[in-house]
C-alpha cells in the first residue's frame, strides 16, 4: 500500500489554491514520513494517473460548506465517493468522480479547507493566509496520526 497526498486547486483563483499551498508547505515533512506528494492542481487526469489500486490517499482541496473560513474537514474517501452525485467541484470532472468511474480501489480521506473567497487572484484571502500555518499543522497532524493507525 502506497500512501499519497494530492493537492488539488487553481493557483490563480485565490482561496481555491489552498490545497496546492498546503502541499507545498508540507511536502518535505510528508516525504520524510514516506508519503508520495502529488501536485494535481487542476490536472485531474495527471493526478488520476498517479493513483493505483490499493493506495491510501489524502486529497486536499478547497471546500464551500458555508462554515467559518479556514475550517478543516475530513471526509472518508468511501463516503465521499458514495455521495459524489450530491457534490459539486470547480474542477470538472472531479478527481472523486473519476475514482468512481474508473473503479479505483482506494482508501483515504478528502481533506477540505473552507474558503473565504474565490476570485481571480494569485494570493489567498487574508483570513486563509493568516491561518495557513495553523491549517498546515492541523492537516499534518491528521495525516501523521492516520498513517500510524493504518
N, C-alpha and C. Protein backbone atom coordinates (compact mmCIF):
# COMPACT_ATOMS: atom_id res chain seq x y z
N UNK A 1 0.85 -1.18 0.00
CA UNK A 1 0.00 0.00 0.00
C UNK A 1 0.89 1.24 0.00
N UNK A 2 0.69 2.09 -0.98
CA UNK A 2 1.39 3.36 -1.03
C UNK A 2 0.49 4.44 -0.45
N UNK A 3 1.09 5.35 0.30
CA UNK A 3 0.35 6.48 0.85
C UNK A 3 0.71 7.69 0.01
N UNK A 4 -0.33 8.38 -0.48
CA UNK A 4 -0.13 9.52 -1.37
C UNK A 4 -0.97 10.69 -0.90
N UNK A 5 -0.40 11.88 -1.03
CA UNK A 5 -1.09 13.12 -0.67
C UNK A 5 -1.17 13.97 -1.94
N UNK A 6 -2.40 14.32 -2.32
CA UNK A 6 -2.62 15.02 -3.59
C UNK A 6 -3.23 16.39 -3.31
N UNK A 7 -2.59 17.42 -3.83
CA UNK A 7 -3.10 18.78 -3.71
C UNK A 7 -3.87 19.15 -4.96
N UNK A 8 -5.12 19.59 -4.77
CA UNK A 8 -5.99 19.98 -5.87
C UNK A 8 -6.30 21.46 -5.73
N UNK A 9 -6.41 22.17 -6.84
CA UNK A 9 -6.79 23.57 -6.77
C UNK A 9 -6.26 24.36 -7.95
N UNK A 10 -6.70 25.60 -8.01
CA UNK A 10 -6.31 26.51 -9.08
C UNK A 10 -5.60 27.71 -8.47
N UNK A 11 -4.31 27.82 -8.72
CA UNK A 11 -3.47 28.87 -8.13
C UNK A 11 -3.94 30.29 -8.45
N UNK A 12 -4.61 30.47 -9.59
CA UNK A 12 -4.98 31.83 -9.98
C UNK A 12 -6.40 32.21 -9.55
N UNK A 13 -6.99 31.36 -8.69
CA UNK A 13 -8.35 31.64 -8.22
C UNK A 13 -8.38 31.83 -6.69
N UNK A 14 -7.39 32.51 -6.16
CA UNK A 14 -7.39 32.85 -4.74
C UNK A 14 -7.44 31.63 -3.85
N UNK A 15 -8.43 31.58 -2.98
CA UNK A 15 -8.53 30.51 -1.98
C UNK A 15 -8.71 29.12 -2.60
N UNK A 16 -9.11 29.04 -3.86
CA UNK A 16 -9.22 27.73 -4.49
C UNK A 16 -7.87 27.02 -4.55
N UNK A 17 -6.78 27.77 -4.45
CA UNK A 17 -5.44 27.19 -4.48
C UNK A 17 -4.93 26.72 -3.12
N UNK A 18 -5.78 26.69 -2.09
CA UNK A 18 -5.33 26.32 -0.75
C UNK A 18 -4.74 24.91 -0.70
N UNK A 19 -5.29 23.96 -1.44
CA UNK A 19 -4.75 22.60 -1.44
C UNK A 19 -3.31 22.56 -1.94
N UNK A 20 -3.01 23.36 -2.95
CA UNK A 20 -1.66 23.44 -3.50
C UNK A 20 -0.72 24.07 -2.48
N UNK A 21 -1.16 25.16 -1.86
CA UNK A 21 -0.32 25.84 -0.87
C UNK A 21 0.02 24.93 0.30
N UNK A 22 -0.95 24.15 0.76
CA UNK A 22 -0.71 23.24 1.88
C UNK A 22 0.31 22.18 1.48
N UNK A 23 0.14 21.60 0.30
CA UNK A 23 1.08 20.58 -0.18
C UNK A 23 2.49 21.17 -0.29
N UNK A 24 2.60 22.36 -0.82
CA UNK A 24 3.92 22.98 -0.96
C UNK A 24 4.57 23.20 0.40
N UNK A 25 3.78 23.62 1.38
CA UNK A 25 4.32 23.85 2.73
C UNK A 25 4.71 22.54 3.41
N UNK A 26 3.90 21.50 3.24
CA UNK A 26 4.12 20.25 3.97
C UNK A 26 4.97 19.23 3.24
N UNK A 27 5.27 19.45 1.98
CA UNK A 27 5.96 18.46 1.16
C UNK A 27 7.19 17.85 1.82
N UNK A 28 8.13 18.63 2.34
CA UNK A 28 9.32 18.00 2.96
C UNK A 28 8.96 17.10 4.15
N UNK A 29 8.04 17.54 4.99
CA UNK A 29 7.65 16.75 6.15
C UNK A 29 6.92 15.48 5.74
N UNK A 30 6.06 15.58 4.73
CA UNK A 30 5.33 14.40 4.26
C UNK A 30 6.29 13.38 3.64
N UNK A 31 7.20 13.85 2.83
CA UNK A 31 8.17 12.95 2.20
C UNK A 31 9.06 12.29 3.25
N UNK A 32 9.38 13.01 4.31
CA UNK A 32 10.20 12.44 5.39
C UNK A 32 9.52 11.26 6.08
N UNK A 33 8.19 11.21 6.07
CA UNK A 33 7.49 10.09 6.69
C UNK A 33 6.98 9.09 5.64
N UNK A 34 7.53 9.18 4.43
CA UNK A 34 7.27 8.17 3.41
C UNK A 34 6.04 8.36 2.56
N UNK A 35 5.51 9.58 2.53
CA UNK A 35 4.31 9.84 1.73
C UNK A 35 4.70 10.46 0.40
N UNK A 36 4.15 9.91 -0.68
CA UNK A 36 4.37 10.49 -2.01
C UNK A 36 3.49 11.72 -2.15
N UNK A 37 4.09 12.82 -2.59
CA UNK A 37 3.38 14.09 -2.74
C UNK A 37 3.11 14.34 -4.22
N UNK A 38 1.86 14.66 -4.53
CA UNK A 38 1.45 14.89 -5.92
C UNK A 38 0.77 16.24 -6.02
N UNK A 39 1.30 17.12 -6.86
CA UNK A 39 0.66 18.40 -7.12
C UNK A 39 -0.30 18.21 -8.29
N UNK A 40 -1.53 17.90 -7.97
CA UNK A 40 -2.52 17.65 -9.01
C UNK A 40 -3.03 18.93 -9.64
N UNK A 41 -3.05 20.01 -8.85
CA UNK A 41 -3.59 21.30 -9.28
C UNK A 41 -4.93 21.07 -9.99
N UNK A 42 -5.09 21.55 -11.22
CA UNK A 42 -6.34 21.33 -11.96
C UNK A 42 -6.16 20.23 -13.01
N UNK A 43 -5.03 19.53 -12.96
CA UNK A 43 -4.72 18.47 -13.91
C UNK A 43 -5.20 17.13 -13.35
N UNK A 44 -6.50 16.95 -13.38
CA UNK A 44 -7.12 15.80 -12.75
C UNK A 44 -6.68 14.49 -13.41
N UNK A 45 -6.52 14.49 -14.73
CA UNK A 45 -6.06 13.28 -15.41
C UNK A 45 -4.65 12.89 -14.95
N UNK A 46 -3.80 13.88 -14.73
CA UNK A 46 -2.45 13.61 -14.23
C UNK A 46 -2.53 12.98 -12.84
N UNK A 47 -3.32 13.58 -11.96
CA UNK A 47 -3.46 13.05 -10.60
C UNK A 47 -3.99 11.61 -10.65
N UNK A 48 -4.99 11.38 -11.48
CA UNK A 48 -5.56 10.04 -11.60
C UNK A 48 -4.51 9.03 -12.07
N UNK A 49 -3.64 9.45 -12.97
CA UNK A 49 -2.61 8.53 -13.49
C UNK A 49 -1.62 8.11 -12.40
N UNK A 50 -1.54 8.86 -11.33
CA UNK A 50 -0.62 8.55 -10.23
C UNK A 50 -1.25 7.64 -9.17
N UNK A 51 -2.54 7.36 -9.30
CA UNK A 51 -3.26 6.58 -8.30
C UNK A 51 -3.40 5.13 -8.76
N UNK A 52 -3.00 4.22 -7.89
CA UNK A 52 -3.09 2.78 -8.18
C UNK A 52 -4.04 2.12 -7.20
N UNK A 53 -4.63 1.01 -7.61
CA UNK A 53 -5.47 0.23 -6.69
C UNK A 53 -4.67 -0.09 -5.43
N UNK A 54 -5.32 0.04 -4.30
CA UNK A 54 -4.68 -0.26 -3.02
C UNK A 54 -4.02 0.94 -2.36
N UNK A 55 -3.95 2.08 -3.07
CA UNK A 55 -3.34 3.27 -2.47
C UNK A 55 -4.20 3.81 -1.34
N UNK A 56 -3.54 4.46 -0.40
CA UNK A 56 -4.22 5.20 0.66
C UNK A 56 -3.98 6.67 0.35
N UNK A 57 -5.05 7.41 0.13
CA UNK A 57 -4.95 8.79 -0.37
C UNK A 57 -5.40 9.82 0.66
N UNK A 58 -4.73 10.96 0.61
CA UNK A 58 -5.20 12.18 1.27
C UNK A 58 -5.31 13.20 0.14
N UNK A 59 -6.53 13.58 -0.20
CA UNK A 59 -6.75 14.58 -1.25
C UNK A 59 -7.11 15.88 -0.56
N UNK A 60 -6.30 16.91 -0.81
CA UNK A 60 -6.51 18.20 -0.14
C UNK A 60 -7.06 19.19 -1.17
N UNK A 61 -8.19 19.81 -0.81
CA UNK A 61 -8.86 20.71 -1.74
C UNK A 61 -9.64 21.76 -0.95
N UNK A 62 -10.04 22.80 -1.64
CA UNK A 62 -10.89 23.84 -1.07
C UNK A 62 -12.31 23.33 -0.95
N UNK A 63 -13.03 23.82 0.07
CA UNK A 63 -14.44 23.46 0.23
C UNK A 63 -15.27 24.72 0.42
N UNK A 64 -16.55 24.57 0.15
CA UNK A 64 -17.51 25.63 0.44
C UNK A 64 -18.72 24.98 1.08
N UNK A 65 -18.63 24.78 2.41
CA UNK A 65 -19.70 24.17 3.18
C UNK A 65 -20.47 25.21 3.99
N UNK A 66 -20.18 26.49 3.76
CA UNK A 66 -20.83 27.58 4.47
C UNK A 66 -20.53 27.53 5.97
N UNK A 67 -19.26 27.24 6.30
CA UNK A 67 -18.77 27.28 7.67
C UNK A 67 -17.66 28.32 7.74
N UNK A 68 -17.07 28.49 8.90
CA UNK A 68 -16.04 29.52 9.10
C UNK A 68 -14.84 29.28 8.17
N UNK A 69 -14.42 30.32 7.42
CA UNK A 69 -13.26 30.17 6.54
C UNK A 69 -12.04 29.66 7.32
N UNK A 70 -11.35 28.71 6.72
CA UNK A 70 -10.19 28.11 7.36
C UNK A 70 -10.51 26.83 8.11
N UNK A 71 -11.80 26.50 8.24
CA UNK A 71 -12.18 25.26 8.90
C UNK A 71 -11.70 24.08 8.07
N UNK A 72 -11.08 23.12 8.75
CA UNK A 72 -10.57 21.92 8.07
C UNK A 72 -11.52 20.77 8.35
N UNK A 73 -11.95 20.08 7.28
CA UNK A 73 -12.85 18.94 7.42
C UNK A 73 -12.17 17.69 6.85
N UNK A 74 -12.58 16.55 7.38
CA UNK A 74 -12.00 15.27 6.98
C UNK A 74 -13.14 14.33 6.62
N UNK A 75 -13.23 13.96 5.34
CA UNK A 75 -14.30 13.08 4.88
C UNK A 75 -13.69 11.78 4.39
N UNK A 76 -14.11 10.64 4.96
CA UNK A 76 -13.59 9.36 4.46
C UNK A 76 -13.86 9.21 2.97
N UNK A 77 -12.89 8.65 2.27
CA UNK A 77 -12.97 8.51 0.82
C UNK A 77 -14.21 7.73 0.39
N UNK A 78 -14.53 6.64 1.09
CA UNK A 78 -15.69 5.84 0.66
C UNK A 78 -16.98 6.64 0.78
N UNK A 79 -17.11 7.44 1.81
CA UNK A 79 -18.30 8.28 1.97
C UNK A 79 -18.36 9.33 0.86
N UNK A 80 -17.22 9.92 0.54
CA UNK A 80 -17.17 10.94 -0.50
C UNK A 80 -17.52 10.36 -1.87
N UNK A 81 -17.02 9.17 -2.16
CA UNK A 81 -17.31 8.54 -3.44
C UNK A 81 -18.78 8.17 -3.53
N UNK A 82 -19.36 7.63 -2.44
CA UNK A 82 -20.77 7.27 -2.43
C UNK A 82 -21.66 8.48 -2.66
N UNK A 83 -21.31 9.61 -2.05
CA UNK A 83 -22.14 10.80 -2.11
C UNK A 83 -21.78 11.72 -3.26
N UNK A 84 -20.89 11.27 -4.14
CA UNK A 84 -20.38 12.17 -5.17
C UNK A 84 -21.45 12.83 -6.01
N UNK A 85 -22.52 12.14 -6.33
CA UNK A 85 -23.55 12.75 -7.17
C UNK A 85 -24.16 13.97 -6.49
N UNK A 86 -23.97 14.14 -5.18
CA UNK A 86 -24.53 15.28 -4.47
C UNK A 86 -23.54 16.42 -4.29
N UNK A 87 -22.31 16.28 -4.79
CA UNK A 87 -21.29 17.30 -4.60
C UNK A 87 -20.99 18.01 -5.91
N UNK A 88 -20.40 19.16 -5.78
CA UNK A 88 -20.02 19.95 -6.93
C UNK A 88 -18.55 20.30 -6.83
N UNK A 89 -17.90 20.45 -7.97
CA UNK A 89 -16.48 20.77 -8.00
C UNK A 89 -16.22 21.79 -9.09
N UNK A 90 -15.33 22.72 -8.78
CA UNK A 90 -14.90 23.68 -9.80
C UNK A 90 -13.99 22.98 -10.80
N UNK A 91 -13.43 21.85 -10.39
CA UNK A 91 -12.51 21.10 -11.23
C UNK A 91 -13.29 19.98 -11.91
N UNK A 92 -13.69 20.19 -13.14
CA UNK A 92 -14.54 19.23 -13.82
C UNK A 92 -13.74 18.46 -14.85
N UNK A 93 -13.83 17.16 -14.96
CA UNK A 93 -14.50 16.32 -13.96
C UNK A 93 -13.68 16.25 -12.69
N UNK A 94 -14.30 15.99 -11.59
CA UNK A 94 -13.58 15.96 -10.32
C UNK A 94 -12.82 14.65 -10.17
N UNK A 95 -11.78 14.69 -9.37
CA UNK A 95 -10.98 13.51 -9.12
C UNK A 95 -11.82 12.42 -8.45
N UNK A 96 -12.69 12.80 -7.52
CA UNK A 96 -13.54 11.82 -6.84
C UNK A 96 -14.46 11.14 -7.86
N UNK A 97 -15.00 11.91 -8.78
CA UNK A 97 -15.86 11.33 -9.82
C UNK A 97 -15.08 10.31 -10.66
N UNK A 98 -13.86 10.66 -11.04
CA UNK A 98 -13.07 9.73 -11.87
C UNK A 98 -12.65 8.49 -11.09
N UNK A 99 -12.41 8.62 -9.80
CA UNK A 99 -12.12 7.43 -8.99
C UNK A 99 -13.29 6.46 -9.03
N UNK A 100 -14.48 7.02 -9.00
CA UNK A 100 -15.70 6.20 -9.06
C UNK A 100 -15.87 5.59 -10.45
N UNK A 101 -15.72 6.40 -11.49
CA UNK A 101 -15.90 5.94 -12.87
C UNK A 101 -14.92 4.82 -13.20
N UNK A 102 -13.64 5.00 -12.81
CA UNK A 102 -12.62 4.01 -13.13
C UNK A 102 -12.50 2.90 -12.09
N UNK A 103 -13.42 2.93 -11.12
CA UNK A 103 -13.49 1.90 -10.09
C UNK A 103 -12.15 1.64 -9.42
N UNK A 104 -11.48 2.72 -9.08
CA UNK A 104 -10.22 2.60 -8.36
C UNK A 104 -10.51 2.13 -6.94
N UNK A 105 -9.80 1.12 -6.52
CA UNK A 105 -9.97 0.58 -5.18
C UNK A 105 -8.97 1.27 -4.26
N UNK A 106 -9.42 2.38 -3.66
CA UNK A 106 -8.55 3.17 -2.80
C UNK A 106 -9.26 3.47 -1.48
N UNK A 107 -8.46 3.81 -0.51
CA UNK A 107 -8.97 4.27 0.77
C UNK A 107 -8.34 5.62 1.06
N UNK A 108 -8.85 6.29 2.08
CA UNK A 108 -8.24 7.55 2.47
C UNK A 108 -9.27 8.59 2.85
N UNK A 109 -8.86 9.84 2.71
CA UNK A 109 -9.68 10.96 3.14
C UNK A 109 -9.58 12.13 2.16
N UNK A 110 -10.69 12.84 2.06
CA UNK A 110 -10.69 14.15 1.42
C UNK A 110 -10.51 15.15 2.56
N UNK A 111 -9.46 15.94 2.48
CA UNK A 111 -9.21 16.97 3.49
C UNK A 111 -9.61 18.30 2.85
N UNK A 112 -10.66 18.90 3.39
CA UNK A 112 -11.17 20.14 2.83
C UNK A 112 -10.84 21.32 3.71
N UNK A 113 -10.56 22.45 3.08
CA UNK A 113 -10.34 23.70 3.81
C UNK A 113 -11.35 24.71 3.28
N UNK A 114 -12.15 25.22 4.20
CA UNK A 114 -13.21 26.16 3.82
C UNK A 114 -12.62 27.47 3.30
N UNK A 115 -13.11 27.89 2.15
CA UNK A 115 -12.65 29.13 1.52
C UNK A 115 -13.38 30.35 2.09
N UNK A 116 -12.75 31.50 1.90
CA UNK A 116 -13.43 32.76 2.21
C UNK A 116 -13.91 33.41 0.92
N UNK A 117 -13.03 33.38 -0.10
CA UNK A 117 -13.42 33.95 -1.39
C UNK A 117 -12.65 33.29 -2.52
N UNK A 118 -13.33 33.12 -3.62
CA UNK A 118 -12.69 32.61 -4.83
C UNK A 118 -12.89 33.67 -5.90
N UNK A 119 -11.76 34.19 -6.35
CA UNK A 119 -11.77 35.25 -7.34
C UNK A 119 -10.43 35.20 -8.05
N UNK A 120 -10.30 35.89 -9.16
CA UNK A 120 -9.03 35.91 -9.87
C UNK A 120 -7.99 36.59 -8.99
N UNK A 121 -7.07 35.80 -8.46
CA UNK A 121 -6.00 36.32 -7.61
C UNK A 121 -4.94 35.25 -7.43
N UNK A 122 -3.69 35.67 -7.35
CA UNK A 122 -2.61 34.74 -7.07
C UNK A 122 -2.40 34.58 -5.57
N UNK A 123 -3.15 35.34 -4.79
CA UNK A 123 -2.99 35.33 -3.33
C UNK A 123 -4.19 34.69 -2.66
N UNK A 124 -3.93 34.07 -1.51
CA UNK A 124 -5.03 33.60 -0.66
C UNK A 124 -5.68 34.80 -0.01
N UNK A 125 -6.93 34.65 0.44
CA UNK A 125 -7.57 35.72 1.21
C UNK A 125 -6.75 35.97 2.47
N UNK A 126 -6.92 37.14 3.05
CA UNK A 126 -6.13 37.46 4.25
C UNK A 126 -6.43 36.46 5.38
N UNK A 127 -7.66 35.98 5.47
CA UNK A 127 -8.01 35.01 6.51
C UNK A 127 -7.23 33.71 6.34
N UNK A 128 -7.24 33.15 5.14
CA UNK A 128 -6.52 31.89 4.93
C UNK A 128 -5.01 32.08 5.00
N UNK A 129 -4.53 33.22 4.52
CA UNK A 129 -3.09 33.48 4.60
C UNK A 129 -2.64 33.54 6.05
N UNK A 130 -3.41 34.22 6.88
CA UNK A 130 -3.07 34.34 8.30
C UNK A 130 -3.14 32.98 9.00
N UNK A 131 -4.12 32.18 8.63
CA UNK A 131 -4.33 30.89 9.28
C UNK A 131 -3.53 29.74 8.67
N UNK A 132 -2.81 30.01 7.57
CA UNK A 132 -2.11 28.94 6.85
C UNK A 132 -1.19 28.10 7.74
N UNK A 133 -0.35 28.68 8.60
CA UNK A 133 0.49 27.82 9.45
C UNK A 133 -0.33 26.88 10.33
N UNK A 134 -1.40 27.39 10.91
CA UNK A 134 -2.26 26.56 11.76
C UNK A 134 -2.95 25.47 10.94
N UNK A 135 -3.48 25.83 9.78
CA UNK A 135 -4.15 24.87 8.90
C UNK A 135 -3.18 23.76 8.51
N UNK A 136 -1.96 24.14 8.14
CA UNK A 136 -0.95 23.14 7.75
C UNK A 136 -0.66 22.19 8.91
N UNK A 137 -0.58 22.72 10.12
CA UNK A 137 -0.29 21.86 11.27
C UNK A 137 -1.44 20.90 11.55
N UNK A 138 -2.67 21.38 11.44
CA UNK A 138 -3.85 20.52 11.64
C UNK A 138 -3.85 19.40 10.60
N UNK A 139 -3.59 19.75 9.35
CA UNK A 139 -3.56 18.76 8.27
C UNK A 139 -2.44 17.75 8.50
N UNK A 140 -1.25 18.23 8.83
CA UNK A 140 -0.12 17.32 9.05
C UNK A 140 -0.40 16.35 10.19
N UNK A 141 -0.90 16.87 11.30
CA UNK A 141 -1.17 16.02 12.46
C UNK A 141 -2.21 14.94 12.12
N UNK A 142 -3.24 15.32 11.37
CA UNK A 142 -4.25 14.35 10.96
C UNK A 142 -3.62 13.25 10.10
N UNK A 143 -2.83 13.64 9.11
CA UNK A 143 -2.18 12.67 8.23
C UNK A 143 -1.25 11.77 9.04
N UNK A 144 -0.42 12.36 9.87
CA UNK A 144 0.54 11.61 10.67
C UNK A 144 -0.16 10.59 11.57
N UNK A 145 -1.17 11.03 12.29
CA UNK A 145 -1.90 10.13 13.19
C UNK A 145 -2.65 9.04 12.42
N UNK A 146 -3.18 9.40 11.26
CA UNK A 146 -3.92 8.42 10.45
C UNK A 146 -3.01 7.32 9.94
N UNK A 147 -1.86 7.68 9.41
CA UNK A 147 -0.97 6.63 8.83
C UNK A 147 -0.36 5.77 9.94
N UNK A 148 -0.29 6.27 11.13
CA UNK A 148 0.20 5.44 12.25
C UNK A 148 -0.81 4.34 12.58
N UNK A 149 -2.09 4.57 12.30
CA UNK A 149 -3.14 3.61 12.59
C UNK A 149 -3.39 2.63 11.44
N UNK A 150 -2.94 2.99 10.25
CA UNK A 150 -3.23 2.17 9.06
C UNK A 150 -2.25 1.02 8.95
